[in-house]
Structures are given as C-alpha cells and as structure tokens.
C-alpha cells in the first residue's frame, strides 16, 4: 500500500533489532520512517517535525510511551498512534485506547498484522484531517451564509422602511391633492355662483324692463367674476403644467412695497 504524499511515522522502541525490523516493514509499505530509543528522543523528534503516525513501545527506559501521545497530538491534532509492547494485557490495552491510541498490538507481532494496523491508523489520520478540513469549510460557508442572510435581512428591512416612508408620502400627497381640489372647487364656485345669480336675475324679466344702469351694473359684476373665474382656471392649468414639467418658473425681481400694497 502506497500513500501519496508519504506519511511520516515515528517508531519509538529501545530494542534496536525491533526498531530496524519495523523500519524495514514500514518503509517497504511506503512510509517515511524516523526512530527514537527513548521518550526524550521521541519528544525532540516530535518538536522538530510533526509526524502523522506514531508507533511506540509501552515501556521505555525513561518513561511511559503513552505519554508521547499528547506530544504527537500537540504537533498534529490528527496524529494516530499504535502501541506495540511485550507487556500486553487487557488492562494495558484499555488504558492505551482510552488515552487516544488507535490500536494496541502485542510483541512479537506478525509483519502483516503490524502493516495492516499502521495502514488503518494512516486511513484514520487521513479521514480525521479530511473531516476537519470539511468541517472548517462548512463553518466558513455557514459564516458566509449567516453574513449574507444578515445583509439580506437588513436590506429587506431598509427597503421596507423606505416603502413605508413612500406610502406615507403618497398618502400625504393624496391628502393635499384632495384639499387642493376642495379649495379650488370652492374658489371656482364663488365667482360662478355670482355669474349664474346675475344672469338668472336678469332673465326673470324682459330686457326692456331693466334700466340701462341696472343692466350695466349687472353685466360688470358678471364680467368681473367671469374674469376671476378665468384667472383661477389659468392658475389651475399652470399647476398642471408645473407638475408635468411643461413649464419652468423663472426668478424675477419683486418690489416688496408694491406687493404689500396689492395684497392689502
């Protein structure tokens, strides 16, 4: 079985014959192999360079091989360890697995069993690393999705507030238009009522029965109110032209005194 890229494995054992045997087996299987004969040497090797796999004896001259699992995980949190020892027991096996070892093998161990166990540990390492990578990608995607949802929600809220203001403005415009129409109708009605009143009054009797002075006074009133009515209609048309941008207002100089006199 060949691993690409080749995984690094640290073999820790104080028996030089076992170290060379395990090195040859694992190098033939495609691994990069480093060795150490003690806990101190192993820790130095792990500190200098992370190793993805760890094959360690349980009992070493200067300590317990199980203590190296923490160092291996500190260098690479996905590192997988296989414990190989001549002091095999159920209690030791349970302790090793609880401490984070992937497998526990007795010595001597057949070559095929050793290689198979390390291969499975390597697969475990690759799966753990891939899972962590995918989890990180999912977390990144989730964070980005949360940001987009937050931005979209804020945009929707802003648009909703803008829509509320627009509706409120339209309601106000409609109210003003209604008030304008009421005022305009009232302004148009007054001179029109005068015109209708005088003409109706004159038509009650034959024209020959009216004196020239009465006719002149009535016609002047009709004319005056008709002109006023015409002026109101022109103002209404000018308002429509302004609203339709068909007319542009030009600033002109104003005599304030004359304007006050005319308004009085």
Protein backbone atom coordinates (compact mmCIF):
# COMPACT_ATOMS: atom_id res chain seq x y z
CA UNK A 1 0.00 0.00 0.00
CA UNK A 2 1.42 3.40 -1.02
CA UNK A 3 0.43 6.74 0.49
CA UNK A 4 0.67 9.99 -1.51
CA UNK A 5 2.07 12.11 -0.11
CA UNK A 6 4.06 9.68 2.04
CA UNK A 7 3.12 9.94 5.71
CA UNK A 8 5.78 10.32 8.37
CA UNK A 9 5.83 7.75 11.19
CA UNK A 10 7.94 7.89 14.31
CA UNK A 11 8.97 4.48 15.66
CA UNK A 12 9.88 4.59 19.35
CA UNK A 13 11.48 1.49 20.87
CA UNK A 14 14.57 0.81 22.99
CA UNK A 15 15.19 -2.53 21.25
CA UNK A 16 17.41 -1.76 18.25
CA UNK A 17 16.55 -5.03 16.49
CA UNK A 18 12.82 -4.30 16.72
CA UNK A 19 13.40 -0.73 15.51
CA UNK A 20 15.23 -1.89 12.37
CA UNK A 21 12.63 -4.59 11.69
CA UNK A 22 9.76 -2.14 11.99
CA UNK A 23 11.63 0.44 9.91
CA UNK A 24 12.11 -2.02 7.04
CA UNK A 25 8.47 -3.15 7.14
CA UNK A 26 7.09 0.40 7.15
CA UNK A 27 9.50 1.81 4.58
CA UNK A 28 8.57 -1.07 2.28
CA UNK A 29 4.92 -0.07 2.82
CA UNK A 30 5.68 3.47 1.61
CA UNK A 31 6.08 5.47 4.82
CA UNK A 32 8.80 7.94 5.82
CA UNK A 33 10.25 6.45 8.99
CA UNK A 34 12.08 8.20 11.84
CA UNK A 35 13.21 6.43 15.01
CA UNK A 36 13.81 7.17 18.68
CA UNK A 37 15.03 4.99 21.53
CA UNK A 38 13.55 6.95 24.46
CA UNK A 39 10.80 9.36 25.47
CA UNK A 40 13.28 12.23 25.45
CA UNK A 41 14.48 11.47 21.90
CA UNK A 42 10.90 11.00 20.71
CA UNK A 43 9.79 14.33 22.16
CA UNK A 44 12.73 16.05 20.50
CA UNK A 45 11.83 14.49 17.15
CA UNK A 46 8.17 15.50 17.52
CA UNK A 47 9.13 19.05 18.48
CA UNK A 48 11.41 19.39 15.46
CA UNK A 49 8.93 17.99 12.95
CA UNK A 50 5.32 16.79 13.26
CA UNK A 51 4.69 13.13 12.48
CA UNK A 52 1.32 11.91 11.29
CA UNK A 53 1.77 8.42 12.80
CA UNK A 54 3.36 7.11 15.97
CA UNK A 55 4.41 3.51 16.65
CA UNK A 56 5.64 3.33 20.23
CA UNK A 57 6.63 0.74 22.80
CA UNK A 58 4.65 0.97 26.02
CA UNK A 59 7.66 0.83 28.35
CA UNK A 60 10.75 2.88 27.61
CA UNK A 61 13.93 3.47 29.65
CA UNK A 62 12.97 7.00 30.68
CA UNK A 63 9.18 6.79 30.88
CA UNK A 64 5.88 5.56 29.54
CA UNK A 65 5.36 5.52 25.77
CA UNK A 66 1.73 6.55 26.35
CA UNK A 67 2.98 9.98 27.40
CA UNK A 68 4.09 10.57 23.79
CA UNK A 69 0.51 10.54 22.52
CA UNK A 70 -0.05 14.01 23.96
CA UNK A 71 3.14 15.30 22.32
CA UNK A 72 2.15 13.79 18.97
CA UNK A 73 -1.30 15.36 19.14
CA UNK A 74 0.18 18.71 20.16
CA UNK A 75 2.31 18.67 16.99
CA UNK A 76 -0.52 17.37 14.78
CA UNK A 77 -4.02 17.07 16.32
CA UNK A 78 -4.94 14.35 13.80
CA UNK A 79 -1.93 12.13 14.55
CA UNK A 80 -2.75 8.44 15.05
CA UNK A 81 -0.78 6.19 17.41
CA UNK A 82 -0.28 2.44 17.58
CA UNK A 83 1.09 0.99 20.83
CA UNK A 84 3.30 -2.09 20.44
CA UNK A 85 4.62 -3.83 23.58
CA UNK A 86 5.75 -7.10 25.06
CA UNK A 87 3.78 -6.30 28.24
CA UNK A 88 0.37 -6.88 26.72
CA UNK A 89 -2.70 -7.18 28.89
CA UNK A 90 -6.35 -6.22 28.66
CA UNK A 91 -5.78 -3.52 31.25
CA UNK A 92 -2.89 -2.01 29.28
CA UNK A 93 -4.88 -2.19 26.06
CA UNK A 94 -7.87 -0.42 27.60
CA UNK A 95 -5.61 2.25 29.10
CA UNK A 96 -3.89 2.85 25.75
CA UNK A 97 -7.14 3.14 23.81
CA UNK A 98 -8.62 5.48 26.42
CA UNK A 99 -5.50 7.64 26.16
CA UNK A 100 -6.12 8.07 22.44
CA UNK A 101 -4.18 5.24 20.82
CA UNK A 102 -5.71 3.89 17.63
CA UNK A 103 -4.57 0.28 18.19
CA UNK A 104 -2.73 -1.89 20.71
CA UNK A 105 -0.52 -4.75 19.48
CA UNK A 106 1.44 -7.38 21.42
CA UNK A 107 5.09 -8.19 20.72
CA UNK A 108 6.18 -10.11 18.80
CA UNK A 109 3.73 -9.02 16.11
CA UNK A 110 3.44 -10.62 12.65
CA UNK A 111 4.56 -8.35 9.82
CA UNK A 112 1.17 -8.46 8.08
CA UNK A 113 -0.70 -7.55 11.25
CA UNK A 114 1.68 -4.67 12.03
CA UNK A 115 1.45 -3.28 8.48
CA UNK A 116 -2.36 -3.63 8.45
CA UNK A 117 -2.70 -1.83 11.79
CA UNK A 118 -0.48 1.05 10.66
CA UNK A 119 -2.37 1.26 7.35
CA UNK A 120 -5.66 1.56 9.23
CA UNK A 121 -4.14 4.20 11.51
CA UNK A 122 -3.00 6.09 8.39
CA UNK A 123 -6.53 5.91 6.97
CA UNK A 124 -7.84 7.15 10.30
CA UNK A 125 -5.40 10.08 10.10
CA UNK A 126 -6.47 10.97 6.55
CA UNK A 127 -10.16 10.71 7.45
CA UNK A 128 -9.70 12.86 10.56
CA UNK A 129 -7.79 15.52 8.63
CA UNK A 130 -10.32 15.49 5.77
CA UNK A 131 -13.21 15.72 8.23
CA UNK A 132 -11.57 18.67 9.99
CA UNK A 133 -10.97 20.36 6.63
CA UNK A 134 -14.57 19.81 5.52
CA UNK A 135 -15.82 20.96 8.89
CA UNK A 136 -13.75 24.12 8.55
CA UNK A 137 -15.12 24.68 5.05
CA UNK A 138 -18.67 24.15 6.30
CA UNK A 139 -18.10 26.56 9.17
CA UNK A 140 -16.72 29.11 6.71
CA UNK A 141 -19.69 28.58 4.40
CA UNK A 142 -22.07 28.79 7.34
CA UNK A 143 -20.45 32.03 8.49
CA UNK A 144 -20.69 33.45 4.97
CA UNK A 145 -24.30 32.30 4.70
CA UNK A 146 -25.12 33.91 8.05
CA UNK A 147 -23.50 37.12 6.85
CA UNK A 148 -25.45 37.06 3.60
CA UNK A 149 -28.71 36.32 5.40
CA UNK A 150 -27.98 39.14 7.84
CA UNK A 151 -27.17 41.53 4.97
CA UNK A 152 -30.28 40.45 3.05
CA UNK A 153 -32.43 40.83 6.15
CA UNK A 154 -31.01 44.30 6.76
CA UNK A 155 -31.60 45.22 3.12
CA UNK A 156 -35.18 43.94 3.27
CA UNK A 157 -35.71 45.92 6.48
CA UNK A 158 -34.28 49.06 4.85
CA UNK A 159 -36.44 48.58 1.76
CA UNK A 160 -39.48 48.01 3.96
CA UNK A 161 -38.76 51.22 5.88
CA UNK A 162 -38.30 53.09 2.60
CA UNK A 163 -41.59 51.62 1.32
CA UNK A 164 -43.34 52.77 4.49
CA UNK A 165 -41.99 56.29 4.01
CA UNK A 166 -43.02 56.24 0.35
CA UNK A 167 -46.54 55.08 1.21
CA UNK A 168 -46.74 57.73 3.92
CA UNK A 169 -45.58 60.38 1.44
CA UNK A 170 -48.14 59.21 -1.12
CA UNK A 171 -50.89 59.34 1.48
CA UNK A 172 -49.83 62.88 2.38
CA UNK A 173 -49.71 63.89 -1.30
CA UNK A 174 -53.15 62.41 -1.83
CA UNK A 175 -54.46 64.29 1.20
CA UNK A 176 -53.02 67.56 -0.08
CA UNK A 177 -54.41 66.94 -3.55
CA UNK A 178 -57.85 66.31 -2.07
CA UNK A 179 -57.58 69.51 0.00
CA UNK A 180 -56.39 71.42 -3.06
CA UNK A 181 -59.32 70.18 -5.12
CA UNK A 182 -61.75 71.14 -2.35
CA UNK A 183 -60.24 74.63 -2.09
CA UNK A 184 -60.18 75.03 -5.87
CA UNK A 185 -63.80 73.88 -6.18
CA UNK A 186 -64.76 76.42 -3.55
CA UNK A 187 -62.82 79.20 -5.30
CA UNK A 188 -64.40 78.34 -8.65
CA UNK A 189 -67.86 78.08 -7.18
CA UNK A 190 -67.92 81.59 -5.72
CA UNK A 191 -67.50 83.61 -8.96
CA UNK A 192 -69.54 81.07 -10.88
CA UNK A 193 -72.40 81.47 -8.41
CA UNK A 194 -72.27 85.24 -8.91
CA UNK A 195 -72.36 84.85 -12.70
CA UNK A 196 -75.27 82.40 -12.50
CA UNK A 197 -77.06 84.57 -9.94
CA UNK A 198 -76.87 87.79 -12.01
CA UNK A 199 -77.79 86.10 -15.28
CA UNK A 200 -80.72 84.33 -13.65
CA UNK A 201 -81.78 87.57 -12.04
CA UNK A 202 -81.68 89.44 -15.37
CA UNK A 203 -83.61 86.72 -17.16
CA UNK A 204 -86.56 86.93 -14.77
CA UNK A 205 -87.87 89.97 -16.65
CA UNK A 206 -87.70 91.12 -20.23
CA UNK A 207 -84.58 93.15 -21.02
CA UNK A 208 -86.71 96.14 -21.91
CA UNK A 209 -87.90 96.40 -18.33
CA UNK A 210 -84.39 96.89 -16.97
CA UNK A 211 -82.87 100.31 -16.85
CA UNK A 212 -79.55 100.88 -18.60
CA UNK A 213 -77.87 101.49 -15.24
CA UNK A 214 -79.15 98.17 -13.79
CA UNK A 215 -78.00 96.25 -16.86
CA UNK A 216 -74.58 97.85 -16.81
CA UNK A 217 -74.07 97.14 -13.11
CA UNK A 218 -75.17 93.50 -13.51
CA UNK A 219 -73.03 92.92 -16.61
CA UNK A 220 -69.98 94.48 -14.95
CA UNK A 221 -70.41 92.11 -12.00
CA UNK A 222 -70.78 89.15 -14.38
CA UNK A 223 -67.67 90.23 -16.32
CA UNK A 224 -65.62 90.78 -13.18
CA UNK A 225 -66.48 87.37 -11.77
CA UNK A 226 -66.05 85.70 -15.16
CA UNK A 227 -62.53 87.18 -15.37
CA UNK A 228 -61.83 85.99 -11.84
CA UNK A 229 -63.06 82.55 -12.81
CA UNK A 230 -60.83 82.61 -15.90
CA UNK A 231 -57.82 83.56 -13.75
CA UNK A 232 -58.50 80.67 -11.38
CA UNK A 233 -58.69 78.24 -14.28
CA UNK A 234 -55.39 79.56 -15.65
CA UNK A 235 -53.77 79.05 -12.25
CA UNK A 236 -55.11 75.51 -12.20
CA UNK A 237 -53.68 74.88 -15.67
CA UNK A 238 -50.33 76.37 -14.64
CA UNK A 239 -50.23 74.00 -11.66
CA UNK A 240 -50.85 71.07 -14.02
CA UNK A 241 -48.10 72.30 -16.36
CA UNK A 242 -45.65 72.61 -13.47
CA UNK A 243 -46.48 69.11 -12.24
CA UNK A 244 -45.95 67.77 -15.77
CA UNK A 245 -42.68 69.73 -16.15
CA UNK A 246 -44.18 71.57 -19.12
CA UNK A 247 -43.46 74.94 -17.56
CA UNK A 248 -40.40 76.28 -15.75
CA UNK A 249 -40.52 79.05 -13.17
CA UNK A 250 -38.07 81.90 -13.67
CA UNK A 251 -36.99 84.12 -10.74
CA UNK A 252 -37.89 87.80 -11.13
CA UNK A 253 -37.20 90.88 -9.04
CA UNK A 254 -40.11 91.82 -6.74
CA UNK A 255 -40.99 95.23 -5.39
CA UNK A 256 -41.89 94.35 -1.81
CA UNK A 257 -43.70 97.63 -1.23
CA UNK A 258 -45.84 97.24 -4.34
CA UNK A 259 -46.60 93.63 -3.41
CA UNK A 260 -47.74 94.71 0.05
CA UNK A 261 -49.99 97.36 -1.46
CA UNK A 262 -51.55 94.87 -3.89
CA UNK A 263 -52.07 92.32 -1.13
CA UNK A 264 -53.76 94.82 1.19
